[in-house]
N, C-alpha and C. Protein backbone atom coordinates (compact mmCIF):
# COMPACT_ATOMS: atom_id res chain seq x y z
N MET A 1 14.56 -38.79 20.28
CA MET A 1 13.61 -38.05 21.19
C MET A 1 13.84 -36.50 21.16
N ALA A 2 15.22 -36.01 21.28
CA ALA A 2 15.55 -34.67 21.08
C ALA A 2 14.86 -34.04 19.76
N LYS A 3 15.09 -34.67 18.78
CA LYS A 3 14.93 -34.29 17.38
C LYS A 3 13.25 -34.04 17.25
N GLN A 4 12.57 -34.94 17.92
CA GLN A 4 10.98 -34.95 17.90
C GLN A 4 10.84 -33.77 18.87
N GLN A 5 11.28 -33.41 19.98
CA GLN A 5 11.05 -32.06 20.67
C GLN A 5 11.26 -30.64 19.86
N ILE A 6 12.47 -30.58 19.20
CA ILE A 6 12.46 -29.63 18.40
C ILE A 6 11.66 -29.28 17.26
N GLU A 7 11.25 -30.29 16.55
CA GLU A 7 10.19 -30.13 15.66
C GLU A 7 8.85 -29.71 16.36
N GLN A 8 8.58 -30.34 17.28
CA GLN A 8 7.30 -29.77 18.03
C GLN A 8 7.28 -28.24 18.39
N ASP A 9 8.39 -27.91 18.71
CA ASP A 9 8.48 -26.68 19.16
C ASP A 9 8.69 -25.40 17.93
N ARG A 10 8.96 -25.90 16.73
CA ARG A 10 9.35 -25.30 15.71
C ARG A 10 7.86 -24.59 14.90
N ASN A 11 7.79 -23.45 15.26
CA ASN A 11 6.50 -22.66 14.65
C ASN A 11 6.68 -21.67 14.19
N TRP A 12 5.63 -20.87 13.44
CA TRP A 12 5.59 -19.55 12.87
C TRP A 12 5.32 -18.60 13.78
N TYR A 13 6.01 -17.44 13.82
CA TYR A 13 5.46 -16.34 14.67
C TYR A 13 5.55 -15.41 14.16
N VAL A 14 4.77 -14.19 14.53
CA VAL A 14 4.72 -12.86 13.92
C VAL A 14 5.46 -11.68 14.72
N ILE A 15 6.04 -10.95 14.02
CA ILE A 15 6.84 -10.01 14.64
C ILE A 15 6.56 -8.65 13.85
N HIS A 16 6.40 -7.65 14.70
CA HIS A 16 5.91 -6.33 14.44
C HIS A 16 6.94 -5.42 14.23
N THR A 17 6.89 -4.79 12.90
CA THR A 17 8.04 -3.99 12.61
C THR A 17 7.58 -2.59 12.27
N TYR A 18 8.31 -1.47 12.11
CA TYR A 18 7.92 -0.27 11.68
C TYR A 18 7.56 -0.49 10.29
N SER A 19 6.29 0.06 10.06
CA SER A 19 5.74 0.06 8.65
C SER A 19 6.57 0.75 7.70
N GLY A 20 6.52 -0.20 6.50
CA GLY A 20 7.40 0.34 5.42
C GLY A 20 8.90 -0.24 5.48
N TYR A 21 9.27 -0.89 6.69
CA TYR A 21 10.42 -1.22 6.85
C TYR A 21 10.55 -2.99 6.79
N GLU A 22 9.33 -3.50 6.42
CA GLU A 22 9.20 -5.14 6.57
C GLU A 22 10.44 -5.84 5.83
N ASP A 23 10.56 -5.48 4.37
CA ASP A 23 11.79 -5.93 3.65
C ASP A 23 13.18 -5.89 4.33
N ALA A 24 13.56 -4.57 4.66
CA ALA A 24 14.52 -4.36 5.31
C ALA A 24 14.67 -5.20 6.67
N VAL A 25 13.70 -5.37 7.42
CA VAL A 25 13.85 -6.02 8.67
C VAL A 25 14.07 -7.65 8.23
N ALA A 26 13.51 -7.99 7.31
CA ALA A 26 13.61 -9.68 6.88
C ALA A 26 15.08 -9.65 6.51
N LYS A 27 15.59 -8.79 5.67
CA LYS A 27 16.94 -9.00 5.07
C LYS A 27 17.92 -8.93 6.08
N ASN A 28 17.59 -7.69 7.09
CA ASN A 28 18.68 -7.76 8.24
C ASN A 28 18.69 -8.85 9.09
N LEU A 29 17.36 -9.50 9.62
CA LEU A 29 17.34 -10.58 10.26
C LEU A 29 17.70 -11.78 9.74
N LYS A 30 17.72 -11.91 8.38
CA LYS A 30 18.35 -13.09 7.63
C LYS A 30 20.10 -13.07 7.92
N GLN A 31 20.49 -11.82 7.63
CA GLN A 31 22.03 -11.54 7.77
C GLN A 31 22.33 -11.94 9.33
N ARG A 32 21.65 -11.44 10.29
CA ARG A 32 21.88 -11.66 11.71
C ARG A 32 21.84 -13.30 12.19
N ILE A 33 20.85 -14.01 11.37
CA ILE A 33 20.71 -15.25 11.90
C ILE A 33 22.12 -16.15 11.31
N GLU A 34 22.49 -15.60 9.99
CA GLU A 34 23.81 -16.19 9.43
C GLU A 34 24.96 -15.88 10.24
N SER A 35 25.12 -14.55 10.78
CA SER A 35 26.43 -14.09 11.30
C SER A 35 26.33 -14.63 12.76
N LEU A 36 25.33 -14.88 13.37
CA LEU A 36 25.10 -15.24 14.81
C LEU A 36 25.15 -16.82 14.80
N GLY A 37 25.12 -17.45 13.82
CA GLY A 37 24.88 -19.07 13.69
C GLY A 37 23.62 -19.53 14.28
N MET A 38 22.39 -18.76 14.01
CA MET A 38 21.18 -19.31 14.62
C MET A 38 20.48 -20.13 13.43
N GLU A 39 21.12 -20.76 12.63
CA GLU A 39 20.28 -21.17 11.73
C GLU A 39 19.62 -22.60 12.12
N ASP A 40 19.89 -23.09 13.13
CA ASP A 40 19.19 -24.22 13.90
C ASP A 40 18.36 -23.93 14.68
N LYS A 41 18.01 -22.75 14.84
CA LYS A 41 16.67 -22.10 15.70
C LYS A 41 15.82 -21.32 14.96
N ILE A 42 16.42 -20.71 14.05
CA ILE A 42 15.46 -19.67 13.11
C ILE A 42 15.80 -20.23 11.70
N PHE A 43 14.52 -20.57 11.08
CA PHE A 43 14.68 -21.38 9.66
C PHE A 43 14.27 -20.56 8.63
N ASN A 44 13.35 -19.59 8.77
CA ASN A 44 12.69 -18.95 7.61
C ASN A 44 12.18 -17.57 8.07
N VAL A 45 12.27 -16.61 7.18
CA VAL A 45 11.83 -15.22 7.31
C VAL A 45 11.24 -14.95 6.11
N ILE A 46 9.56 -14.44 6.21
CA ILE A 46 9.02 -13.98 4.98
C ILE A 46 8.16 -12.64 5.60
N VAL A 47 8.03 -11.91 4.31
CA VAL A 47 7.10 -10.80 4.45
C VAL A 47 5.96 -11.29 3.36
N PRO A 48 4.69 -11.44 3.84
CA PRO A 48 3.67 -12.10 3.16
C PRO A 48 3.36 -11.03 2.14
N LYS A 49 3.30 -11.35 0.84
CA LYS A 49 2.62 -10.55 -0.33
C LYS A 49 1.97 -11.00 -1.13
N GLU A 50 0.88 -10.46 -1.81
CA GLU A 50 0.20 -11.19 -2.95
C GLU A 50 -0.06 -10.16 -4.06
N LYS A 51 -0.16 -10.81 -5.04
CA LYS A 51 -0.39 -9.79 -6.37
C LYS A 51 -1.82 -9.50 -6.55
N LYS A 52 -1.89 -8.08 -6.79
CA LYS A 52 -3.28 -7.38 -7.14
C LYS A 52 -3.00 -6.53 -8.35
N VAL A 53 -4.31 -6.52 -8.83
CA VAL A 53 -4.24 -5.65 -10.12
C VAL A 53 -4.77 -4.20 -9.88
N LYS A 54 -4.02 -3.27 -10.30
CA LYS A 54 -4.29 -1.85 -10.14
C LYS A 54 -4.36 -1.02 -11.41
N ILE A 55 -5.03 -0.04 -11.33
CA ILE A 55 -4.99 0.86 -12.66
C ILE A 55 -3.83 1.96 -12.33
N LYS A 56 -2.98 2.24 -13.17
CA LYS A 56 -2.20 3.38 -13.16
C LYS A 56 -2.08 4.02 -14.56
N ASN A 57 -2.31 5.24 -14.65
CA ASN A 57 -2.31 5.89 -15.95
C ASN A 57 -2.91 5.31 -17.01
N GLY A 58 -4.32 4.66 -16.38
CA GLY A 58 -5.27 4.21 -17.26
C GLY A 58 -4.82 2.68 -17.96
N LYS A 59 -3.80 2.39 -17.40
CA LYS A 59 -3.20 0.91 -17.83
C LYS A 59 -3.45 -0.02 -16.56
N ARG A 60 -3.72 -1.30 -16.74
CA ARG A 60 -3.93 -2.29 -15.88
C ARG A 60 -2.45 -2.65 -15.56
N LYS A 61 -2.28 -2.84 -14.35
CA LYS A 61 -0.76 -3.15 -13.98
C LYS A 61 -0.84 -4.24 -12.80
N THR A 62 0.07 -5.18 -12.63
CA THR A 62 -0.14 -6.25 -11.40
C THR A 62 1.15 -5.66 -10.65
N VAL A 63 0.46 -5.49 -9.32
CA VAL A 63 1.50 -5.01 -8.37
C VAL A 63 1.40 -6.14 -7.09
N GLU A 64 2.88 -5.98 -6.43
CA GLU A 64 2.90 -6.88 -5.20
C GLU A 64 2.65 -6.18 -3.92
N GLU A 65 1.50 -6.46 -3.06
CA GLU A 65 1.28 -5.66 -1.85
C GLU A 65 1.37 -6.58 -0.70
N LYS A 66 1.87 -6.10 0.39
CA LYS A 66 1.97 -6.64 1.52
C LYS A 66 0.72 -7.07 2.06
N ILE A 67 0.47 -8.12 2.53
CA ILE A 67 -0.58 -8.87 3.09
C ILE A 67 -0.92 -8.13 4.47
N TYR A 68 -0.12 -7.96 5.33
CA TYR A 68 0.04 -7.36 6.76
C TYR A 68 1.04 -6.60 6.68
N PRO A 69 0.83 -5.29 6.29
CA PRO A 69 1.69 -3.98 6.57
C PRO A 69 2.34 -3.98 8.03
N GLY A 70 3.47 -3.66 8.36
CA GLY A 70 4.02 -3.72 9.61
C GLY A 70 4.38 -5.06 10.26
N TYR A 71 4.11 -6.04 9.64
CA TYR A 71 4.48 -7.42 10.17
C TYR A 71 5.38 -8.45 9.22
N VAL A 72 6.24 -9.18 9.71
CA VAL A 72 6.85 -10.18 9.23
C VAL A 72 6.61 -11.50 9.92
N LEU A 73 6.70 -12.61 9.04
CA LEU A 73 6.66 -13.82 9.91
C LEU A 73 7.98 -14.54 9.94
N VAL A 74 8.39 -15.30 11.01
CA VAL A 74 9.59 -16.07 11.35
C VAL A 74 9.18 -17.43 11.84
N GLU A 75 9.90 -18.30 11.27
CA GLU A 75 9.88 -19.56 11.53
C GLU A 75 10.80 -20.11 12.32
N MET A 76 10.55 -20.38 13.93
CA MET A 76 11.81 -20.61 14.54
C MET A 76 11.33 -21.51 15.76
N VAL A 77 12.37 -21.70 16.48
CA VAL A 77 12.31 -22.38 17.84
C VAL A 77 12.65 -21.25 18.74
N VAL A 78 11.44 -21.04 19.58
CA VAL A 78 11.82 -20.11 20.50
C VAL A 78 12.72 -20.53 21.71
N THR A 79 13.96 -19.82 22.06
CA THR A 79 14.66 -20.10 23.11
C THR A 79 15.07 -18.68 23.32
N ASP A 80 15.66 -18.52 24.49
CA ASP A 80 16.01 -17.16 25.03
C ASP A 80 16.91 -16.60 23.82
N ALA A 81 18.02 -17.30 23.39
CA ALA A 81 18.82 -16.96 22.42
C ALA A 81 18.12 -16.47 21.32
N SER A 82 17.32 -17.30 20.59
CA SER A 82 16.69 -17.09 19.19
C SER A 82 15.75 -15.85 19.39
N TRP A 83 15.00 -15.77 20.76
CA TRP A 83 14.00 -14.60 20.75
C TRP A 83 15.00 -13.41 20.98
N TYR A 84 15.99 -13.40 21.50
CA TYR A 84 17.00 -12.18 21.63
C TYR A 84 17.51 -11.70 20.24
N VAL A 85 17.77 -12.61 19.48
CA VAL A 85 18.37 -12.42 18.08
C VAL A 85 17.17 -11.48 17.26
N VAL A 86 16.02 -12.01 17.30
CA VAL A 86 14.80 -11.58 16.57
C VAL A 86 14.53 -9.93 17.19
N ARG A 87 14.23 -10.28 18.31
CA ARG A 87 13.83 -9.16 19.17
C ARG A 87 14.84 -7.71 19.14
N ASN A 88 15.90 -8.08 19.03
CA ASN A 88 16.89 -6.91 18.87
C ASN A 88 17.35 -6.81 17.43
N THR A 89 16.70 -6.98 16.77
CA THR A 89 16.85 -6.76 15.21
C THR A 89 16.45 -5.28 15.11
N PRO A 90 17.31 -4.33 14.37
CA PRO A 90 16.87 -2.98 14.21
C PRO A 90 15.34 -2.92 13.59
N ARG A 91 14.52 -1.93 14.09
CA ARG A 91 13.21 -1.63 13.52
C ARG A 91 11.96 -2.84 13.89
N VAL A 92 12.59 -3.90 14.69
CA VAL A 92 11.54 -4.57 15.15
C VAL A 92 11.06 -4.25 16.47
N THR A 93 9.69 -4.05 16.60
CA THR A 93 9.05 -3.53 18.05
C THR A 93 8.67 -4.60 18.62
N GLY A 94 8.73 -5.93 18.31
CA GLY A 94 8.10 -6.91 19.32
C GLY A 94 7.57 -8.14 18.60
N PHE A 95 7.28 -9.12 19.38
CA PHE A 95 6.44 -10.26 18.93
C PHE A 95 5.02 -9.99 19.15
N LEU A 96 4.17 -10.61 18.19
CA LEU A 96 2.69 -10.78 18.53
C LEU A 96 2.64 -11.74 19.63
N GLY A 97 1.94 -11.33 20.68
CA GLY A 97 1.74 -12.22 21.86
C GLY A 97 1.44 -11.43 23.11
N ALA A 98 1.30 -12.15 24.34
CA ALA A 98 1.03 -11.51 25.52
C ALA A 98 2.43 -11.33 26.22
N GLY A 99 2.82 -10.08 26.48
CA GLY A 99 3.97 -9.83 27.22
C GLY A 99 5.06 -10.19 26.37
N THR A 100 6.02 -10.82 26.86
CA THR A 100 7.08 -11.19 26.10
C THR A 100 7.04 -12.83 25.71
N THR A 101 6.01 -13.55 25.66
CA THR A 101 5.80 -14.70 25.17
C THR A 101 5.35 -14.64 23.80
N PRO A 102 6.03 -14.96 22.82
CA PRO A 102 5.34 -14.98 21.38
C PRO A 102 4.25 -15.93 21.31
N ILE A 103 3.21 -15.78 20.35
CA ILE A 103 2.09 -16.82 20.26
C ILE A 103 2.43 -17.41 19.03
N PRO A 104 2.35 -18.58 18.95
CA PRO A 104 2.61 -19.25 17.44
C PRO A 104 1.28 -18.87 16.48
N VAL A 105 1.46 -18.96 15.04
CA VAL A 105 0.43 -18.77 14.20
C VAL A 105 0.10 -20.29 13.88
N SER A 106 -1.29 -20.62 14.20
CA SER A 106 -1.80 -21.79 13.73
C SER A 106 -1.50 -22.40 12.60
N LYS A 107 -1.57 -23.53 12.32
CA LYS A 107 -1.05 -24.23 11.01
C LYS A 107 -2.03 -24.05 10.15
N SER A 108 -3.53 -24.05 10.45
CA SER A 108 -4.42 -23.49 9.32
C SER A 108 -4.07 -22.21 8.65
N ASP A 109 -3.87 -21.28 9.81
CA ASP A 109 -3.86 -19.94 9.41
C ASP A 109 -2.46 -19.75 8.49
N MET A 110 -1.59 -20.53 8.84
CA MET A 110 -0.30 -20.43 7.91
C MET A 110 -0.68 -21.20 6.43
N ASP A 111 -1.43 -22.02 6.36
CA ASP A 111 -1.67 -22.73 5.30
C ASP A 111 -2.37 -21.65 4.38
N ASP A 112 -3.49 -21.24 4.90
CA ASP A 112 -4.03 -20.23 4.31
C ASP A 112 -3.37 -19.21 3.84
N LEU A 113 -2.45 -18.50 4.54
CA LEU A 113 -1.60 -17.65 4.02
C LEU A 113 -0.72 -17.98 2.90
N LYS A 114 -0.09 -19.13 2.92
CA LYS A 114 0.63 -19.73 2.00
C LYS A 114 -0.07 -19.62 0.56
N LYS A 115 -1.24 -20.02 0.67
CA LYS A 115 -2.07 -20.31 -0.46
C LYS A 115 -2.42 -18.83 -1.09
N ARG A 116 -2.61 -17.93 -0.31
CA ARG A 116 -3.01 -16.62 -0.88
C ARG A 116 -1.74 -15.93 -1.43
N MET A 117 -0.42 -16.43 -0.85
CA MET A 117 0.76 -15.92 -1.21
C MET A 117 1.29 -16.55 -2.81
N GLU A 118 0.56 -17.77 -3.05
CA GLU A 118 1.14 -18.70 -4.30
C GLU A 118 0.37 -18.27 -5.55
N VAL A 119 -0.77 -17.57 -5.31
CA VAL A 119 -1.56 -17.34 -6.34
C VAL A 119 -0.81 -16.70 -7.40
N GLY A 120 -0.69 -17.04 -8.65
CA GLY A 120 0.01 -16.46 -9.74
C GLY A 120 -0.62 -15.14 -10.11
N GLU A 121 -0.91 -15.05 -11.42
CA GLU A 121 -1.64 -13.84 -11.73
C GLU A 121 -2.71 -13.55 -11.43
N PRO A 122 -3.29 -12.40 -10.71
CA PRO A 122 -4.53 -12.33 -10.05
C PRO A 122 -5.76 -12.33 -11.40
N GLU A 123 -6.68 -12.93 -11.22
CA GLU A 123 -7.83 -12.96 -12.32
C GLU A 123 -8.75 -11.87 -12.10
N PHE A 124 -9.09 -11.26 -13.03
CA PHE A 124 -10.11 -10.22 -13.06
C PHE A 124 -11.41 -10.79 -13.31
N THR A 125 -12.42 -10.50 -12.48
CA THR A 125 -13.98 -10.86 -12.71
C THR A 125 -14.79 -9.56 -13.10
N VAL A 126 -15.35 -9.69 -14.08
CA VAL A 126 -16.20 -8.76 -14.47
C VAL A 126 -17.58 -8.85 -13.90
N ASP A 127 -17.94 -7.84 -12.79
CA ASP A 127 -19.04 -8.15 -12.00
C ASP A 127 -20.14 -7.10 -12.47
N PHE A 128 -20.42 -6.93 -13.84
CA PHE A 128 -21.35 -6.03 -14.35
C PHE A 128 -22.32 -6.88 -15.39
N GLU A 129 -23.65 -6.16 -15.67
CA GLU A 129 -24.34 -6.65 -16.87
C GLU A 129 -24.57 -5.61 -17.64
N VAL A 130 -25.06 -6.03 -18.86
CA VAL A 130 -25.32 -5.12 -19.78
C VAL A 130 -26.35 -4.26 -19.37
N GLY A 131 -26.57 -3.05 -19.75
CA GLY A 131 -27.76 -2.31 -19.09
C GLY A 131 -27.83 -1.78 -17.85
N GLU A 132 -26.90 -2.00 -16.96
CA GLU A 132 -26.46 -1.87 -15.58
C GLU A 132 -26.00 -0.33 -15.64
N ASN A 133 -26.60 0.58 -14.82
CA ASN A 133 -25.90 1.71 -14.31
C ASN A 133 -24.69 1.77 -13.68
N VAL A 134 -23.71 2.60 -14.13
CA VAL A 134 -22.40 2.58 -13.47
C VAL A 134 -21.91 3.90 -13.57
N LYS A 135 -21.02 4.21 -12.46
CA LYS A 135 -20.37 5.51 -11.94
C LYS A 135 -18.91 5.23 -12.41
N ILE A 136 -18.30 6.24 -13.17
CA ILE A 136 -16.85 6.10 -13.65
C ILE A 136 -15.91 6.71 -12.53
N VAL A 137 -15.07 6.00 -11.88
CA VAL A 137 -14.41 6.26 -10.70
C VAL A 137 -12.86 6.51 -10.91
N ASP A 138 -12.47 6.26 -12.29
CA ASP A 138 -11.04 6.84 -12.83
C ASP A 138 -10.91 6.95 -14.00
N GLY A 139 -9.97 7.70 -14.43
CA GLY A 139 -10.01 8.11 -15.76
C GLY A 139 -10.17 9.56 -16.15
N PRO A 140 -10.23 10.03 -17.40
CA PRO A 140 -10.63 11.13 -17.79
C PRO A 140 -12.11 11.47 -17.78
N PHE A 141 -12.62 10.33 -17.79
CA PHE A 141 -14.37 10.46 -17.57
C PHE A 141 -14.90 10.36 -16.36
N LYS A 142 -13.78 10.52 -15.15
CA LYS A 142 -14.10 10.19 -13.82
C LYS A 142 -15.55 11.28 -13.47
N GLY A 143 -16.46 10.83 -12.56
CA GLY A 143 -17.47 11.54 -12.16
C GLY A 143 -18.61 11.41 -13.09
N PHE A 144 -18.56 11.03 -14.35
CA PHE A 144 -19.74 10.54 -15.43
C PHE A 144 -20.41 9.23 -14.77
N GLU A 145 -21.73 9.20 -15.26
CA GLU A 145 -22.52 8.04 -14.99
C GLU A 145 -23.09 7.65 -16.50
N GLY A 146 -23.10 6.36 -16.46
CA GLY A 146 -23.68 5.88 -17.75
C GLY A 146 -24.32 4.29 -17.55
N LYS A 147 -24.24 3.70 -18.88
CA LYS A 147 -24.93 2.70 -18.84
C LYS A 147 -24.18 1.73 -19.72
N VAL A 148 -24.04 0.49 -18.93
CA VAL A 148 -23.02 -0.51 -19.75
C VAL A 148 -23.61 -1.27 -20.89
N SER A 149 -23.00 -1.11 -22.31
CA SER A 149 -23.47 -1.36 -23.27
C SER A 149 -22.81 -2.91 -24.00
N GLU A 150 -21.67 -3.00 -23.38
CA GLU A 150 -21.05 -4.26 -24.09
C GLU A 150 -19.94 -4.55 -22.87
N ILE A 151 -19.71 -5.86 -22.97
CA ILE A 151 -18.70 -6.56 -21.81
C ILE A 151 -17.78 -7.44 -22.48
N ASP A 152 -16.50 -7.22 -22.57
CA ASP A 152 -15.44 -8.06 -23.14
C ASP A 152 -14.55 -8.63 -21.99
N THR A 153 -15.24 -9.87 -21.57
CA THR A 153 -14.57 -10.57 -20.46
C THR A 153 -12.92 -10.91 -20.52
N GLU A 154 -12.72 -11.40 -21.82
CA GLU A 154 -11.35 -11.72 -22.07
C GLU A 154 -10.27 -10.66 -21.59
N ARG A 155 -10.70 -9.24 -21.93
CA ARG A 155 -9.76 -8.14 -21.75
C ARG A 155 -10.21 -7.44 -20.59
N GLY A 156 -11.05 -7.82 -19.87
CA GLY A 156 -11.65 -7.10 -18.73
C GLY A 156 -12.16 -5.69 -19.06
N LYS A 157 -12.49 -5.62 -20.44
CA LYS A 157 -12.91 -3.97 -20.64
C LYS A 157 -14.38 -4.03 -20.71
N ILE A 158 -14.82 -2.84 -20.47
CA ILE A 158 -16.56 -2.70 -20.63
C ILE A 158 -16.88 -1.28 -21.56
N LYS A 159 -17.64 -1.42 -22.40
CA LYS A 159 -18.17 -0.21 -22.91
C LYS A 159 -19.31 0.51 -22.35
N VAL A 160 -19.31 1.51 -22.10
CA VAL A 160 -20.17 2.37 -21.18
C VAL A 160 -20.70 3.44 -22.12
N LEU A 161 -22.00 3.63 -22.06
CA LEU A 161 -22.77 4.50 -22.85
C LEU A 161 -22.69 5.93 -21.85
N VAL A 162 -22.10 6.88 -22.32
CA VAL A 162 -22.16 8.16 -21.35
C VAL A 162 -22.75 9.53 -22.02
N ASN A 163 -23.68 10.09 -21.31
CA ASN A 163 -24.32 10.92 -21.97
C ASN A 163 -23.51 12.35 -22.17
N MET A 164 -23.20 12.72 -23.22
CA MET A 164 -22.31 14.00 -23.20
C MET A 164 -23.07 14.85 -24.32
N PHE A 165 -23.05 16.04 -23.94
CA PHE A 165 -23.94 16.90 -24.95
C PHE A 165 -24.92 16.52 -25.55
N GLY A 166 -25.84 15.84 -24.83
CA GLY A 166 -27.19 15.42 -25.16
C GLY A 166 -27.26 14.09 -25.90
N ARG A 167 -26.05 13.52 -25.98
CA ARG A 167 -26.04 12.18 -27.03
C ARG A 167 -25.22 11.05 -26.04
N ASP A 168 -25.57 9.83 -26.33
CA ASP A 168 -25.08 8.75 -25.59
C ASP A 168 -23.75 8.62 -26.55
N THR A 169 -22.62 8.47 -25.75
CA THR A 169 -21.52 8.32 -26.44
C THR A 169 -20.66 7.06 -25.89
N PRO A 170 -20.28 5.98 -26.68
CA PRO A 170 -19.58 4.82 -26.00
C PRO A 170 -18.12 4.97 -25.49
N VAL A 171 -18.00 4.69 -24.25
CA VAL A 171 -16.68 4.95 -23.88
C VAL A 171 -16.00 3.47 -23.48
N GLU A 172 -14.85 3.12 -23.99
CA GLU A 172 -14.39 1.80 -23.45
C GLU A 172 -13.33 2.02 -22.09
N LEU A 173 -13.81 1.40 -20.94
CA LEU A 173 -13.04 1.44 -19.87
C LEU A 173 -12.84 -0.01 -19.33
N ASP A 174 -11.85 0.14 -18.41
CA ASP A 174 -11.36 -1.18 -17.65
C ASP A 174 -12.41 -1.21 -16.67
N SER A 175 -12.71 -2.50 -16.34
CA SER A 175 -13.67 -2.98 -15.09
C SER A 175 -13.22 -2.24 -13.81
N LEU A 176 -11.98 -2.12 -13.77
CA LEU A 176 -11.61 -1.68 -12.42
C LEU A 176 -11.86 0.02 -12.33
N GLN A 177 -12.35 0.61 -13.24
CA GLN A 177 -12.57 2.07 -13.55
C GLN A 177 -13.90 2.61 -13.21
N ILE A 178 -14.89 1.51 -13.00
CA ILE A 178 -16.21 1.64 -12.69
C ILE A 178 -16.81 1.22 -11.53
N GLN A 179 -17.82 1.49 -11.05
CA GLN A 179 -18.77 0.94 -9.92
C GLN A 179 -20.05 1.14 -10.02
N LYS A 180 -20.62 0.12 -9.59
CA LYS A 180 -22.27 0.35 -9.76
C LYS A 180 -22.77 1.30 -8.81
N VAL A 181 -23.89 1.74 -9.51
CA VAL A 181 -24.70 2.91 -8.89
C VAL A 181 -25.79 2.52 -7.98
N GLY A 182 -25.79 3.03 -6.79
CA GLY A 182 -26.60 2.48 -6.03
C GLY A 182 -26.36 1.69 -4.94
């Protein structure tokens, strides 16, 4: 009966931290759990992250970004002792909830979050059509407007005809470097 009770009270909770210190808080909290012997009350600590595609120096790069900056998730059974351990971890400002009572994250929200974190390499979708007017928002041709002339979905590259010196000049760009006009 007691085991059943503990399983029911085991939930995920959100703790608020100073922004930029999420990983440090998670590491510190894991050390505190071990040194204070709280493994039977605090089971898991994660900083939710997902992979995103960014353009850096004209090159496509996959980066890991925090899904909720300033927050860390903790799977635990809330008791006075476990609450105290988490709450008094340096750079933790508190639990998400009303007053001092933490509110657990719903199972469906946790499942959605885990799915989001498990996505492997992010796929890029090319949401443009040949003949469409676009504006270049990154790279050496930033600020120019042009017309899509070719789309290479495999590589995520798009050829745009840009009017330079009175003539249409084809420029190959990454799909993340352009946006639709209007």
